[in-house]
Amino acid sequence: RAAARRAYRARRTLLLQYDSDPLDESEEIEELLREAETVMRMKRPMIAFDIQRRVLKGGHAAPVLAPPLDVADKLEDVLGADTAKERLLYAEADATVKELLQWLDEGQL
């Protein structure tokens, strides 16, 4: 923790928190990163961090519960996108991807 507080230098950070994740430490990590920002601003006052925490529906495994893209595409064609995502339990993984893409677009990366 002390090393992260002193050495974390990323200008933009996105923390994704899942509302049903009992292992989540997003709030603690966000606090640690805000402390790192304070340390950095003492050294370089013009530097600003953009730390965002977003809460998504899902549990600890939400970001990895997705079928291979070719399977998902075929099932979405047959069942419809929303039905396929719900039945195959990857709606939360899809929401994670959308959130990441939005964050990247916001930063023009």
N, C-alpha and C. Protein backbone atom coordinates (compact mmCIF):
# COMPACT_ATOMS: atom_id res chain seq x y z
N ARG A 1 0.82 -1.20 0.00
CA ARG A 1 0.00 0.00 0.00
C ARG A 1 0.86 1.26 0.00
N ALA A 2 1.88 1.27 0.81
CA ALA A 2 2.73 2.46 0.88
C ALA A 2 3.43 2.70 -0.45
N ALA A 3 3.89 1.63 -1.10
CA ALA A 3 4.56 1.78 -2.39
C ALA A 3 3.59 2.30 -3.44
N ALA A 4 2.38 1.78 -3.45
CA ALA A 4 1.38 2.25 -4.41
C ALA A 4 1.05 3.72 -4.16
N ARG A 5 0.94 4.09 -2.91
CA ARG A 5 0.63 5.48 -2.57
C ARG A 5 1.72 6.42 -3.08
N ARG A 6 2.97 5.96 -3.01
CA ARG A 6 4.09 6.80 -3.44
C ARG A 6 4.35 6.71 -4.94
N ALA A 7 4.08 5.55 -5.55
CA ALA A 7 4.55 5.32 -6.91
C ALA A 7 3.47 5.27 -8.00
N TYR A 8 2.22 5.24 -7.66
CA TYR A 8 1.17 5.14 -8.69
C TYR A 8 1.10 6.43 -9.48
N ARG A 9 1.21 6.33 -10.81
CA ARG A 9 1.30 7.54 -11.63
C ARG A 9 0.35 7.55 -12.82
N ALA A 10 -0.52 6.59 -12.95
CA ALA A 10 -1.44 6.59 -14.10
C ALA A 10 -2.33 7.82 -14.04
N ARG A 11 -2.47 8.49 -15.15
CA ARG A 11 -3.29 9.70 -15.18
C ARG A 11 -4.78 9.40 -15.22
N ARG A 12 -5.15 8.26 -15.80
CA ARG A 12 -6.56 7.86 -15.87
C ARG A 12 -6.68 6.43 -15.36
N THR A 13 -7.66 6.23 -14.51
CA THR A 13 -7.90 4.90 -13.95
C THR A 13 -9.39 4.66 -13.87
N LEU A 14 -9.80 3.49 -14.32
CA LEU A 14 -11.19 3.08 -14.20
C LEU A 14 -11.26 1.87 -13.29
N LEU A 15 -12.02 1.98 -12.23
CA LEU A 15 -12.28 0.86 -11.34
C LEU A 15 -13.70 0.36 -11.60
N LEU A 16 -13.83 -0.91 -11.89
CA LEU A 16 -15.15 -1.50 -12.10
C LEU A 16 -15.51 -2.32 -10.88
N GLN A 17 -16.60 -1.98 -10.28
CA GLN A 17 -17.09 -2.66 -9.08
C GLN A 17 -18.39 -3.38 -9.46
N TYR A 18 -18.55 -4.60 -8.98
CA TYR A 18 -19.77 -5.37 -9.26
C TYR A 18 -20.61 -5.43 -8.00
N ASP A 19 -21.89 -5.16 -8.14
CA ASP A 19 -22.77 -5.00 -6.99
C ASP A 19 -22.98 -6.26 -6.16
N SER A 20 -22.68 -7.43 -6.71
CA SER A 20 -22.86 -8.68 -5.96
C SER A 20 -21.53 -9.41 -5.75
N ASP A 21 -20.45 -8.66 -5.62
CA ASP A 21 -19.12 -9.24 -5.47
C ASP A 21 -18.65 -9.14 -4.02
N PRO A 22 -18.67 -10.24 -3.28
CA PRO A 22 -18.26 -10.19 -1.88
C PRO A 22 -16.74 -10.01 -1.71
N LEU A 23 -15.98 -10.19 -2.78
CA LEU A 23 -14.53 -10.05 -2.71
C LEU A 23 -14.04 -8.67 -3.13
N ASP A 24 -14.95 -7.82 -3.54
CA ASP A 24 -14.59 -6.52 -4.11
C ASP A 24 -13.86 -5.63 -3.12
N GLU A 25 -12.83 -4.96 -3.62
CA GLU A 25 -12.06 -4.00 -2.83
C GLU A 25 -11.95 -2.65 -3.54
N SER A 26 -12.89 -2.38 -4.44
CA SER A 26 -12.83 -1.16 -5.25
C SER A 26 -12.79 0.11 -4.42
N GLU A 27 -13.60 0.19 -3.38
CA GLU A 27 -13.61 1.41 -2.56
C GLU A 27 -12.27 1.63 -1.89
N GLU A 28 -11.67 0.56 -1.38
CA GLU A 28 -10.36 0.68 -0.73
C GLU A 28 -9.29 1.08 -1.73
N ILE A 29 -9.35 0.49 -2.93
CA ILE A 29 -8.38 0.82 -3.97
C ILE A 29 -8.55 2.28 -4.40
N GLU A 30 -9.79 2.71 -4.55
CA GLU A 30 -10.04 4.10 -4.92
C GLU A 30 -9.45 5.05 -3.87
N GLU A 31 -9.64 4.75 -2.61
CA GLU A 31 -9.08 5.57 -1.54
C GLU A 31 -7.55 5.62 -1.63
N LEU A 32 -6.94 4.48 -1.87
CA LEU A 32 -5.49 4.41 -2.00
C LEU A 32 -5.01 5.25 -3.19
N LEU A 33 -5.71 5.17 -4.31
CA LEU A 33 -5.33 5.94 -5.49
C LEU A 33 -5.52 7.43 -5.27
N ARG A 34 -6.52 7.81 -4.52
CA ARG A 34 -6.73 9.23 -4.21
C ARG A 34 -5.58 9.75 -3.31
N GLU A 35 -5.10 8.89 -2.42
CA GLU A 35 -3.94 9.26 -1.60
C GLU A 35 -2.71 9.42 -2.48
N ALA A 36 -2.55 8.53 -3.48
CA ALA A 36 -1.43 8.62 -4.41
C ALA A 36 -1.50 9.93 -5.19
N GLU A 37 -2.71 10.33 -5.55
CA GLU A 37 -2.89 11.60 -6.27
C GLU A 37 -2.45 12.76 -5.38
N THR A 38 -2.80 12.72 -4.12
CA THR A 38 -2.41 13.78 -3.18
C THR A 38 -0.89 13.86 -3.07
N VAL A 39 -0.24 12.71 -2.98
CA VAL A 39 1.23 12.68 -2.90
C VAL A 39 1.84 13.27 -4.17
N MET A 40 1.30 12.87 -5.32
CA MET A 40 1.81 13.36 -6.60
C MET A 40 1.61 14.87 -6.73
N ARG A 41 0.46 15.38 -6.29
CA ARG A 41 0.18 16.82 -6.42
C ARG A 41 1.11 17.64 -5.53
N MET A 42 1.60 17.06 -4.44
CA MET A 42 2.57 17.78 -3.61
C MET A 42 3.88 17.94 -4.37
N LYS A 43 4.23 16.93 -5.18
CA LYS A 43 5.47 16.98 -5.95
C LYS A 43 5.30 17.80 -7.23
N ARG A 44 4.15 17.60 -7.89
CA ARG A 44 3.86 18.26 -9.16
C ARG A 44 2.42 18.77 -9.13
N PRO A 45 2.22 19.99 -8.69
CA PRO A 45 0.86 20.53 -8.51
C PRO A 45 0.00 20.58 -9.78
N MET A 46 0.61 20.60 -10.94
CA MET A 46 -0.15 20.69 -12.18
C MET A 46 -0.70 19.33 -12.64
N ILE A 47 -0.27 18.26 -12.02
CA ILE A 47 -0.69 16.91 -12.41
C ILE A 47 -2.04 16.59 -11.76
N ALA A 48 -2.94 16.07 -12.58
CA ALA A 48 -4.26 15.66 -12.06
C ALA A 48 -4.52 14.22 -12.49
N PHE A 49 -5.10 13.48 -11.60
CA PHE A 49 -5.50 12.10 -11.89
C PHE A 49 -7.00 12.10 -12.18
N ASP A 50 -7.39 11.22 -13.06
CA ASP A 50 -8.81 10.99 -13.33
C ASP A 50 -9.12 9.58 -12.85
N ILE A 51 -9.67 9.47 -11.67
CA ILE A 51 -10.00 8.17 -11.08
C ILE A 51 -11.51 8.04 -11.06
N GLN A 52 -12.00 7.04 -11.76
CA GLN A 52 -13.44 6.82 -11.81
C GLN A 52 -13.76 5.41 -11.32
N ARG A 53 -14.80 5.32 -10.52
CA ARG A 53 -15.29 4.01 -10.07
C ARG A 53 -16.73 3.89 -10.53
N ARG A 54 -17.00 2.82 -11.25
CA ARG A 54 -18.35 2.58 -11.73
C ARG A 54 -18.85 1.25 -11.20
N VAL A 55 -20.09 1.24 -10.79
CA VAL A 55 -20.70 0.03 -10.22
C VAL A 55 -21.59 -0.60 -11.28
N LEU A 56 -21.32 -1.87 -11.55
CA LEU A 56 -22.08 -2.62 -12.54
C LEU A 56 -22.81 -3.78 -11.88
N LYS A 57 -23.83 -4.25 -12.53
CA LYS A 57 -24.55 -5.43 -12.06
C LYS A 57 -23.67 -6.65 -12.25
N GLY A 58 -23.64 -7.52 -11.26
CA GLY A 58 -22.89 -8.76 -11.44
C GLY A 58 -22.07 -9.13 -10.23
N GLY A 59 -21.41 -10.26 -10.36
CA GLY A 59 -20.57 -10.78 -9.30
C GLY A 59 -19.11 -10.80 -9.72
N HIS A 60 -18.30 -11.48 -8.92
CA HIS A 60 -16.86 -11.49 -9.09
C HIS A 60 -16.43 -11.99 -10.47
N ALA A 61 -17.13 -12.98 -11.01
CA ALA A 61 -16.74 -13.58 -12.29
C ALA A 61 -17.40 -12.91 -13.49
N ALA A 62 -18.18 -11.89 -13.28
CA ALA A 62 -18.94 -11.25 -14.37
C ALA A 62 -18.11 -10.93 -15.61
N PRO A 63 -16.90 -10.40 -15.45
CA PRO A 63 -16.17 -10.02 -16.66
C PRO A 63 -15.68 -11.19 -17.51
N VAL A 64 -15.69 -12.39 -16.97
CA VAL A 64 -15.15 -13.53 -17.72
C VAL A 64 -16.21 -14.54 -18.15
N LEU A 65 -17.47 -14.28 -17.85
CA LEU A 65 -18.53 -15.23 -18.18
C LEU A 65 -19.14 -14.92 -19.55
N ALA A 66 -18.38 -15.16 -20.57
CA ALA A 66 -18.87 -14.93 -21.93
C ALA A 66 -18.45 -16.09 -22.81
N PRO A 67 -19.34 -16.50 -23.70
CA PRO A 67 -18.98 -17.57 -24.63
C PRO A 67 -18.03 -17.01 -25.70
N PRO A 68 -17.41 -17.90 -26.48
CA PRO A 68 -16.60 -17.41 -27.60
C PRO A 68 -17.45 -16.53 -28.52
N LEU A 69 -16.84 -15.55 -29.13
CA LEU A 69 -17.57 -14.59 -29.95
C LEU A 69 -18.36 -15.24 -31.08
N ASP A 70 -17.80 -16.27 -31.72
CA ASP A 70 -18.53 -16.89 -32.83
C ASP A 70 -19.80 -17.57 -32.34
N VAL A 71 -19.75 -18.19 -31.16
CA VAL A 71 -20.94 -18.82 -30.58
C VAL A 71 -21.96 -17.75 -30.20
N ALA A 72 -21.49 -16.70 -29.54
CA ALA A 72 -22.39 -15.62 -29.14
C ALA A 72 -23.07 -14.99 -30.35
N ASP A 73 -22.30 -14.74 -31.39
CA ASP A 73 -22.89 -14.12 -32.60
C ASP A 73 -23.98 -15.00 -33.19
N LYS A 74 -23.72 -16.30 -33.29
CA LYS A 74 -24.72 -17.22 -33.86
C LYS A 74 -25.98 -17.26 -33.01
N LEU A 75 -25.80 -17.36 -31.70
CA LEU A 75 -26.96 -17.41 -30.83
C LEU A 75 -27.73 -16.09 -30.81
N GLU A 76 -27.04 -15.00 -30.91
CA GLU A 76 -27.72 -13.71 -30.97
C GLU A 76 -28.53 -13.59 -32.26
N ASP A 77 -28.00 -14.16 -33.33
CA ASP A 77 -28.76 -14.17 -34.60
C ASP A 77 -30.04 -14.98 -34.47
N VAL A 78 -29.96 -16.10 -33.75
CA VAL A 78 -31.11 -16.99 -33.62
C VAL A 78 -32.09 -16.50 -32.55
N LEU A 79 -31.57 -16.15 -31.39
CA LEU A 79 -32.42 -15.81 -30.24
C LEU A 79 -32.71 -14.31 -30.09
N GLY A 80 -31.88 -13.51 -30.70
CA GLY A 80 -31.92 -12.08 -30.44
C GLY A 80 -30.87 -11.75 -29.40
N ALA A 81 -30.28 -10.58 -29.50
CA ALA A 81 -29.15 -10.23 -28.64
C ALA A 81 -29.48 -10.28 -27.15
N ASP A 82 -30.56 -9.64 -26.75
CA ASP A 82 -30.88 -9.57 -25.32
C ASP A 82 -31.19 -10.95 -24.74
N THR A 83 -31.95 -11.75 -25.46
CA THR A 83 -32.31 -13.09 -24.98
C THR A 83 -31.07 -13.97 -24.87
N ALA A 84 -30.21 -13.93 -25.88
CA ALA A 84 -28.98 -14.74 -25.85
C ALA A 84 -28.11 -14.36 -24.66
N LYS A 85 -27.96 -13.06 -24.42
CA LYS A 85 -27.11 -12.60 -23.31
C LYS A 85 -27.67 -13.05 -21.97
N GLU A 86 -28.97 -13.00 -21.81
CA GLU A 86 -29.59 -13.41 -20.55
C GLU A 86 -29.52 -14.92 -20.36
N ARG A 87 -29.85 -15.67 -21.39
CA ARG A 87 -29.87 -17.14 -21.28
C ARG A 87 -28.48 -17.73 -21.12
N LEU A 88 -27.50 -17.14 -21.78
CA LEU A 88 -26.13 -17.64 -21.68
C LEU A 88 -25.34 -16.95 -20.57
N LEU A 89 -26.00 -16.08 -19.84
CA LEU A 89 -25.44 -15.42 -18.66
C LEU A 89 -24.20 -14.56 -18.96
N TYR A 90 -24.21 -13.91 -20.12
CA TYR A 90 -23.09 -13.02 -20.38
C TYR A 90 -23.51 -11.56 -20.57
N ALA A 91 -24.68 -11.22 -20.11
CA ALA A 91 -25.12 -9.82 -20.18
C ALA A 91 -24.18 -8.93 -19.36
N GLU A 92 -23.71 -9.43 -18.23
CA GLU A 92 -22.82 -8.64 -17.38
C GLU A 92 -21.45 -8.46 -18.01
N ALA A 93 -20.96 -9.51 -18.68
CA ALA A 93 -19.68 -9.38 -19.39
C ALA A 93 -19.82 -8.36 -20.52
N ASP A 94 -20.94 -8.40 -21.22
CA ASP A 94 -21.20 -7.45 -22.30
C ASP A 94 -21.27 -6.02 -21.75
N ALA A 95 -21.91 -5.84 -20.61
CA ALA A 95 -21.99 -4.51 -19.98
C ALA A 95 -20.60 -4.02 -19.58
N THR A 96 -19.74 -4.95 -19.15
CA THR A 96 -18.36 -4.60 -18.78
C THR A 96 -17.62 -4.06 -20.00
N VAL A 97 -17.75 -4.77 -21.12
CA VAL A 97 -17.09 -4.33 -22.35
C VAL A 97 -17.59 -2.96 -22.77
N LYS A 98 -18.90 -2.75 -22.72
CA LYS A 98 -19.46 -1.45 -23.10
C LYS A 98 -18.93 -0.33 -22.20
N GLU A 99 -18.82 -0.62 -20.90
CA GLU A 99 -18.32 0.38 -19.96
C GLU A 99 -16.87 0.73 -20.26
N LEU A 100 -16.06 -0.29 -20.55
CA LEU A 100 -14.65 -0.05 -20.89
C LEU A 100 -14.52 0.75 -22.18
N LEU A 101 -15.31 0.41 -23.18
CA LEU A 101 -15.25 1.14 -24.45
C LEU A 101 -15.66 2.60 -24.27
N GLN A 102 -16.68 2.83 -23.47
CA GLN A 102 -17.11 4.20 -23.20
C GLN A 102 -16.00 4.98 -22.51
N TRP A 103 -15.36 4.37 -21.52
CA TRP A 103 -14.27 5.02 -20.79
C TRP A 103 -13.10 5.33 -21.72
N LEU A 104 -12.77 4.39 -22.60
CA LEU A 104 -11.68 4.63 -23.55
C LEU A 104 -12.06 5.75 -24.51
N ASP A 105 -13.29 5.77 -24.98
CA ASP A 105 -13.74 6.85 -25.87
C ASP A 105 -13.66 8.20 -25.18
N GLU A 106 -14.04 8.25 -23.92
CA GLU A 106 -13.99 9.51 -23.16
C GLU A 106 -12.55 10.04 -23.08
N GLY A 107 -11.60 9.13 -23.00
CA GLY A 107 -10.19 9.53 -22.90
C GLY A 107 -9.51 9.66 -24.25
N GLN A 108 -10.26 9.41 -25.31
CA GLN A 108 -9.74 9.47 -26.67
C GLN A 108 -8.52 8.58 -26.85
N LEU A 109 -8.62 7.38 -26.29
CA LEU A 109 -7.50 6.42 -26.40
C LEU A 109 -7.75 5.42 -27.49
